[in-house]
Every structure is written in structure tokens, then in C-alpha cells.
Amino acid sequence: MNNLRLADGRTLEYLVAGPEDGTPLVFHHGTPFAAIVFDPLVEAAARHGLRTVVYSRPGYAGSSPQPGRTVASAAEDTAALLDELGAERFVTVGWSGGGPHALACAALLPGRCVAAATLAGVAPFHAEGLDWLDGMGAENVDEFAAATTGAEPLTAYLSEQAAAMADVQGPQIAAALGDLISEVDRKALTDAFAEYAAEAFRRSVSEGVAGWRDDDLAFIADWGFDLARIQTPVAIWQGAEDRMVPFAHGRWLASHVGGATERLRPAEGHLSLVVGGFGEMVGELAAQLG
């Protein structure tokens, strides 16, 4: 793990894996999560000559909190990280809660961000024509009900949830996620992938819930950029068997992100989409580099 000192005094923890001369693939993790190496994802990127770069968003694990951050704030942190690595161009993918942050890079770092993809990424909370909570598992409905009442009630709610995550192990992950897990996702959440998720969940709350809270508050606020004006190529990947981020979010994004390409998968869920689709998605991103 590496640490970058940012211009505003914050610390950003990050990791780099794969070919040293590869174009960076910046991976924006989900909510709550933290920077962890998952070898199959790194290997898939490396097969296309890409170097995997993952950082913990502010407030998670070793990254300093940034109260009041917006989704757009991720673009500035990503640019600083790329400068540290001496990289001019990059591609990016955001999974789940990382999806909006990948879109921020596509919108606010045009030219430098060559291509982007979202994997089961959430749509804006006030998206016109979208019932944002419809189809979500009960845990997410409760979480965002707390978020809409303010930072203090949300912090109290998340602190209770974090207590159960602090020591979670791979075999316990499916049960811990409760109503958020569809059957196809339950089947995907085994072995190495379950251990990866458990470690990332544990690290995400190791320093408290600031990162998780600030992610949620950023999702329900204005994201800070116009999705319709994005000119960077973006692929929207979404599964219909997703109870964390419902299929309607992917359909909405595919219709409202400028120039987006649909990759909607009826038989996939929130987790199985990553297990089964990451290699194809990375290949598409790499192809955009020319």
C-alpha cells in the first residue's frame, strides 16, 4: 500500500499492480469498500497491457476524510494520483458506488480519461423518471432513508452496521448482506471472491464510517457535473438480478449519459456481473486506447 500527500494536506492511500509500463486502469471501488488487490481483476487488466490502480476514497481505511466532498471531487483526487504515477492517459471503471466516481472522471477529465465503464453503478438520486429505491433490498432502503435525514442520523445508522462488518469473514458475507443478495449473486460470492469482499468490507470500516457516510451523502446530493454532456466513451454494465443497484439504474444511465453504450445483462446480478463480465469490459476499455 502506498500513500500520497495531497495539496490540501490529506492522505490518499492507493495500490498499483500489473505491468509497470501499462496504461493505468483506475478502479473506483464500491460502497463501503477500500483498496484491496484482487488477483483475477489485476490479471484480466494485465492481459490487455493495463496497470491496475485502486485508491481508497476519502474517509476509508488509510485515506483522510474529506467532509462535504461531492462525486465530482473524485476527479481531482484521480488526477493527483495519476500525476504521482507520471501517467497522462488512463481508463477507468467504477463498480457499484464507484460508478458515479468513474463518470466524474469521464466528465471532468476529458482527453486524459480515454474511456470509462460503470459496473452496477448507481444513478443520480433525483434522476427524473427513476424511482431510485424501487427494487433495492431492505438494507439499502433503510440506509438511504437515514441519509435523507442528515449526517448525524446516517452516522448513527452506519455505525451499527459497521459493527457487524468489522470482523466479517468470507463464508459470512452472503448472510451479512441479507436482502441485498439475489440467488445469482449468492452463487458468485464464494471462495476467493468472498474473501476479497470480506477483507475490503473490514478495511472499509477500520477507521470508522466517514467514508461510507460521505459516499451516501454525495450520492443523494448534486454530483457536480452534467451526465448528458459527457463526451468520453462510456459503457454502462448492469444486471437485472441486482438487489443492491436495481436494473432501472443501468437503463436510466444508458439513456442519459452522453454517448453511452449499453451492456445490460438480464441474467446477472451485482456481484456476478463482476465475476463474469470484468474481462470483456476491460478488453473494451483497452481497445479505446488505440
Protein backbone atom coordinates (compact mmCIF):
# COMPACT_ATOMS: atom_id res chain seq x y z
CA MET A 1 0.00 0.00 0.00
CA ASN A 2 1.22 3.50 -0.86
CA ASN A 3 0.27 6.92 0.50
CA LEU A 4 0.01 10.15 -1.48
CA ARG A 5 0.10 13.51 0.29
CA LEU A 6 -2.36 15.80 -1.50
CA ALA A 7 -2.10 19.56 -1.91
CA ASP A 8 -4.78 20.17 0.74
CA GLY A 9 -2.88 18.09 3.29
CA ARG A 10 -4.99 14.95 3.03
CA THR A 11 -3.51 11.48 2.60
CA LEU A 12 -4.77 9.20 -0.16
CA GLU A 13 -3.90 5.53 0.14
CA TYR A 14 -3.54 3.58 -3.07
CA LEU A 15 -2.10 0.45 -4.61
CA VAL A 16 -0.71 -0.34 -8.03
CA ALA A 17 -0.45 -3.81 -9.58
CA GLY A 18 0.35 -5.17 -13.03
CA PRO A 19 2.78 -4.13 -15.77
CA GLU A 20 4.84 -1.10 -14.75
CA ASP A 21 4.69 0.37 -18.25
CA GLY A 22 0.95 -0.26 -18.65
CA THR A 23 -1.66 2.46 -19.09
CA PRO A 24 -3.45 2.85 -15.73
CA LEU A 25 -6.86 1.29 -15.23
CA VAL A 26 -8.22 3.28 -12.29
CA PHE A 27 -10.72 1.14 -10.38
CA HIS A 28 -13.26 3.03 -8.22
CA HIS A 29 -14.43 0.65 -5.51
CA GLY A 30 -17.93 0.20 -4.17
CA THR A 31 -19.65 1.47 -1.01
CA PRO A 32 -18.44 0.58 1.59
CA PHE A 33 -15.14 -0.82 0.36
CA ALA A 34 -11.43 0.02 0.35
CA ALA A 35 -8.34 -0.52 -1.79
CA ILE A 36 -7.57 -4.25 -1.95
CA VAL A 37 -5.80 -6.30 -4.60
CA PHE A 38 -7.98 -8.99 -6.19
CA ASP A 39 -5.67 -11.01 -8.40
CA PRO A 40 -8.23 -12.09 -11.06
CA LEU A 41 -9.09 -8.44 -11.80
CA VAL A 42 -5.42 -7.45 -11.93
CA GLU A 43 -4.66 -10.39 -14.22
CA ALA A 44 -7.55 -9.52 -16.55
CA ALA A 45 -6.23 -5.96 -16.84
CA ALA A 46 -2.65 -7.15 -17.35
CA ARG A 47 -3.70 -9.37 -20.26
CA HIS A 48 -4.61 -6.15 -22.05
CA GLY A 49 -1.45 -4.34 -21.00
CA LEU A 50 -3.18 -2.30 -18.30
CA ARG A 51 -1.80 -1.43 -14.86
CA THR A 52 -4.44 -1.60 -12.12
CA VAL A 53 -4.64 1.42 -9.81
CA VAL A 54 -7.02 1.39 -6.84
CA TYR A 55 -7.32 4.04 -4.14
CA SER A 56 -9.44 4.22 -1.01
CA ARG A 57 -11.84 7.14 -1.28
CA PRO A 58 -11.58 9.81 1.45
CA GLY A 59 -12.59 8.50 4.86
CA TYR A 60 -11.99 4.84 4.05
CA ALA A 61 -9.13 2.93 5.70
CA GLY A 62 -5.90 4.95 5.33
CA SER A 63 -7.35 7.84 3.29
CA SER A 64 -8.10 11.05 5.19
CA PRO A 65 -11.76 12.07 5.45
CA GLN A 66 -12.99 14.91 3.23
CA PRO A 67 -16.26 16.10 4.77
CA GLY A 68 -18.62 17.65 2.26
CA ARG A 69 -16.99 16.01 -0.75
CA THR A 70 -19.07 15.58 -3.87
CA VAL A 71 -18.98 12.87 -6.51
CA ALA A 72 -17.06 15.34 -8.69
CA SER A 73 -14.30 15.52 -6.06
CA ALA A 74 -13.09 12.11 -7.22
CA ALA A 75 -11.80 13.57 -10.48
CA GLU A 76 -9.38 15.89 -8.69
CA ASP A 77 -8.04 13.07 -6.49
CA THR A 78 -7.69 10.79 -9.51
CA ALA A 79 -5.78 13.46 -11.43
CA ALA A 80 -3.40 13.97 -8.49
CA LEU A 81 -2.81 10.23 -8.27
CA LEU A 82 -2.08 9.98 -11.99
CA ASP A 83 0.36 12.88 -11.71
CA GLU A 84 2.13 10.99 -8.92
CA LEU A 85 2.40 7.95 -11.17
CA GLY A 86 3.60 10.01 -14.14
CA ALA A 87 0.65 8.87 -16.25
CA GLU A 88 -1.03 11.15 -18.76
CA ARG A 89 -3.79 8.90 -20.12
CA PHE A 90 -5.94 6.35 -18.31
CA VAL A 91 -9.11 4.34 -18.49
CA THR A 92 -11.43 3.83 -15.56
CA VAL A 93 -14.14 1.59 -14.19
CA GLY A 94 -16.44 2.14 -11.24
CA TRP A 95 -18.26 -0.70 -9.52
CA SER A 96 -21.48 0.00 -7.60
CA GLY A 97 -20.85 3.13 -5.51
CA GLY A 98 -17.72 3.64 -7.59
CA GLY A 99 -19.79 4.07 -10.75
CA PRO A 100 -20.60 7.76 -10.24
CA HIS A 101 -16.93 8.45 -9.50
CA ALA A 102 -15.85 6.85 -12.76
CA LEU A 103 -18.43 9.03 -14.52
CA ALA A 104 -16.93 12.08 -12.79
CA CYS A 105 -13.57 11.23 -14.36
CA ALA A 106 -15.19 10.81 -17.78
CA ALA A 107 -16.94 14.17 -17.44
CA LEU A 108 -14.24 16.27 -15.80
CA LEU A 109 -11.01 14.81 -17.18
CA PRO A 110 -11.84 14.69 -20.91
CA GLY A 111 -8.96 13.68 -23.11
CA ARG A 112 -6.97 12.37 -20.18
CA CYS A 113 -9.71 9.83 -19.40
CA VAL A 114 -9.83 7.89 -22.66
CA ALA A 115 -12.76 5.62 -21.76
CA ALA A 116 -14.88 4.68 -18.77
CA ALA A 117 -17.26 1.96 -17.66
CA THR A 118 -19.69 1.53 -14.80
CA LEU A 119 -20.45 -1.88 -13.33
CA ALA A 120 -23.79 -1.83 -11.50
CA GLY A 121 -23.32 1.88 -10.83
CA VAL A 122 -25.98 3.98 -9.16
CA ALA A 123 -27.88 6.72 -10.98
CA PRO A 124 -28.41 10.22 -9.52
CA PHE A 125 -30.78 10.23 -6.54
CA HIS A 126 -33.07 12.84 -8.10
CA ALA A 127 -32.97 11.36 -11.60
CA GLU A 128 -36.13 12.35 -13.45
CA GLY A 129 -38.35 9.39 -14.23
CA LEU A 130 -36.49 6.97 -11.92
CA ASP A 131 -37.87 5.53 -8.67
CA TRP A 132 -34.42 5.34 -7.10
CA LEU A 133 -35.23 2.91 -4.26
CA ASP A 134 -37.59 0.63 -6.17
CA GLY A 135 -36.21 -2.90 -6.28
CA MET A 136 -33.46 -2.34 -3.70
CA GLY A 137 -33.03 -4.72 -0.80
CA ALA A 138 -34.39 -3.66 2.58
CA GLU A 139 -30.95 -2.76 3.97
CA ASN A 140 -30.34 -0.17 1.24
CA VAL A 141 -33.83 1.28 1.64
CA ASP A 142 -33.18 1.78 5.36
CA GLU A 143 -29.70 3.21 4.74
CA PHE A 144 -30.82 5.87 2.30
CA ALA A 145 -33.85 6.73 4.40
CA ALA A 146 -31.31 7.60 7.10
CA ALA A 147 -29.17 9.51 4.59
CA THR A 148 -32.05 11.78 3.63
CA THR A 149 -32.50 12.83 7.26
CA GLY A 150 -28.94 14.15 7.60
CA ALA A 151 -25.35 13.32 8.52
CA GLU A 152 -25.94 12.60 12.21
CA PRO A 153 -28.77 10.05 11.83
CA LEU A 154 -26.86 8.44 8.95
CA THR A 155 -23.68 8.19 11.03
CA ALA A 156 -25.62 6.52 13.84
CA TYR A 157 -27.23 4.05 11.44
CA LEU A 158 -23.97 3.17 9.68
CA SER A 159 -22.10 2.78 12.95
CA GLU A 160 -24.49 -0.02 13.90
CA GLN A 161 -23.99 -1.70 10.53
CA ALA A 162 -20.21 -1.29 10.70
CA ALA A 163 -20.04 -3.21 13.97
CA ALA A 164 -21.20 -6.33 12.12
CA MET A 165 -18.74 -5.74 9.28
CA ALA A 166 -15.66 -5.16 11.39
CA ASP A 167 -14.86 -8.86 11.72
CA VAL A 168 -16.83 -10.38 8.84
CA GLN A 169 -15.26 -13.39 7.11
CA GLY A 170 -15.77 -14.74 3.59
CA PRO A 171 -18.25 -17.52 4.48
CA GLN A 172 -20.39 -14.97 6.35
CA ILE A 173 -20.64 -12.36 3.61
CA ALA A 174 -23.79 -13.61 1.90
CA ALA A 175 -25.69 -13.81 5.18
CA ALA A 176 -24.38 -10.39 6.27
CA LEU A 177 -25.72 -8.79 3.09
CA GLY A 178 -29.17 -10.23 3.73
CA ASP A 179 -31.91 -8.97 1.40
CA LEU A 180 -29.32 -7.32 -0.87
CA ILE A 181 -28.26 -10.68 -2.32
CA SER A 182 -30.07 -12.32 -5.24
CA GLU A 183 -29.62 -16.02 -5.93
CA VAL A 184 -27.20 -15.49 -8.80
CA ASP A 185 -25.10 -13.26 -6.55
CA ARG A 186 -25.18 -15.80 -3.74
CA LYS A 187 -23.65 -18.34 -6.11
CA ALA A 188 -20.94 -15.85 -7.16
CA LEU A 189 -20.00 -14.95 -3.59
CA THR A 190 -17.76 -17.92 -2.85
CA ASP A 191 -14.10 -18.80 -2.34
CA ALA A 192 -11.56 -16.13 -3.32
CA PHE A 193 -14.18 -13.55 -4.31
CA ALA A 194 -15.91 -13.88 -0.94
CA GLU A 195 -12.58 -13.50 0.88
CA TYR A 196 -11.75 -10.42 -1.20
CA ALA A 197 -15.10 -8.82 -0.42
CA ALA A 198 -14.82 -9.63 3.28
CA GLU A 199 -11.34 -8.10 3.55
CA ALA A 200 -12.44 -4.97 1.70
CA PHE A 201 -15.51 -4.60 3.95
CA ARG A 202 -13.38 -5.00 7.08
CA ARG A 203 -10.87 -2.40 5.91
CA SER A 204 -13.63 -0.01 4.82
CA VAL A 205 -14.82 0.43 8.42
CA SER A 206 -11.44 0.00 10.13
CA GLU A 207 -11.20 3.75 10.80
CA GLY A 208 -14.91 4.42 11.28
CA VAL A 209 -17.74 5.23 8.89
CA ALA A 210 -16.68 8.63 7.50
CA GLY A 211 -16.03 7.26 4.01
CA TRP A 212 -19.29 5.32 3.89
CA ARG A 213 -21.29 8.27 5.25
CA ASP A 214 -19.74 10.76 2.83
CA ASP A 215 -20.30 8.43 -0.13
CA ASP A 216 -24.01 8.21 0.73
CA LEU A 217 -24.36 11.96 1.23
CA ALA A 218 -22.61 12.60 -2.08
CA PHE A 219 -24.93 10.19 -3.92
CA ILE A 220 -28.09 11.96 -2.80
CA ALA A 221 -26.69 15.46 -3.48
CA ASP A 222 -25.89 17.14 -6.79
CA TRP A 223 -23.00 15.21 -8.34
CA GLY A 224 -21.31 18.34 -9.68
CA PHE A 225 -21.29 17.60 -13.42
CA ASP A 226 -23.70 17.11 -16.32
CA LEU A 227 -24.08 13.49 -17.42
CA ALA A 228 -25.60 14.48 -20.74
CA ARG A 229 -22.52 16.46 -21.74
CA ILE A 230 -20.03 13.61 -21.27
CA GLN A 231 -18.10 13.04 -24.50
CA THR A 232 -15.71 10.35 -23.27
CA PRO A 233 -16.82 6.86 -24.39
CA VAL A 234 -18.72 5.22 -21.52
CA ALA A 235 -20.10 1.68 -21.25
CA ILE A 236 -22.94 1.05 -18.79
CA TRP A 237 -22.90 -2.51 -17.42
CA GLN A 238 -25.89 -3.60 -15.35
CA GLY A 239 -27.55 -6.87 -14.37
CA ALA A 240 -31.29 -7.41 -13.99
CA GLU A 241 -30.83 -9.66 -10.93
CA ASP A 242 -29.31 -6.86 -8.85
CA ARG A 243 -30.87 -6.02 -5.47
CA MET A 244 -28.19 -3.51 -4.45
CA VAL A 245 -28.45 -1.27 -7.51
CA PRO A 246 -31.61 -2.17 -9.45
CA PHE A 247 -31.66 -2.72 -13.21
CA ALA A 248 -33.59 0.53 -13.71
CA HIS A 249 -30.50 2.49 -12.66
CA GLY A 250 -28.49 0.99 -15.53
CA ARG A 251 -31.27 1.61 -18.01
CA TRP A 252 -31.57 5.23 -16.86
CA LEU A 253 -27.82 5.83 -17.13
CA ALA A 254 -27.65 4.22 -20.56
CA SER A 255 -30.32 6.66 -21.73
CA HIS A 256 -28.92 9.80 -20.11
CA VAL A 257 -25.11 9.59 -20.18
CA GLY A 258 -23.82 11.27 -23.31
CA GLY A 259 -22.88 8.71 -25.95
CA ALA A 260 -23.19 5.76 -23.58
CA THR A 261 -23.05 2.16 -24.78
CA GLU A 262 -25.50 -0.29 -23.16
CA ARG A 263 -24.19 -3.51 -21.67
CA LEU A 264 -27.35 -4.66 -19.92
CA ARG A 265 -27.32 -8.30 -18.78
CA PRO A 266 -30.69 -9.89 -17.84
CA ALA A 267 -29.21 -12.93 -16.08
CA GLU A 268 -26.55 -11.16 -13.97
CA GLY A 269 -26.59 -9.58 -10.52
CA HIS A 270 -24.48 -7.07 -8.63
CA LEU A 271 -21.62 -9.44 -7.91
CA SER A 272 -21.90 -12.00 -10.70
CA LEU A 273 -21.58 -9.15 -13.20
CA VAL A 274 -18.04 -8.51 -11.91
CA VAL A 275 -17.06 -12.17 -11.79
CA GLY A 276 -18.41 -12.92 -15.26
CA GLY A 277 -18.04 -9.64 -17.12
CA PHE A 278 -14.85 -7.95 -15.97
CA GLY A 279 -12.59 -9.47 -18.62
CA GLU A 280 -14.85 -8.41 -21.50
CA MET A 281 -15.28 -4.95 -20.04
CA VAL A 282 -11.52 -4.43 -19.63
CA GLY A 283 -10.96 -5.58 -23.22
CA GLU A 284 -13.39 -2.93 -24.46
CA LEU A 285 -11.65 -0.22 -22.43
CA ALA A 286 -8.22 -1.24 -23.68
CA ALA A 287 -9.45 -1.15 -27.28
CA GLN A 288 -10.29 2.54 -26.84
CA LEU A 289 -6.59 3.31 -26.29
CA GLY A 290 -5.85 2.55 -29.93
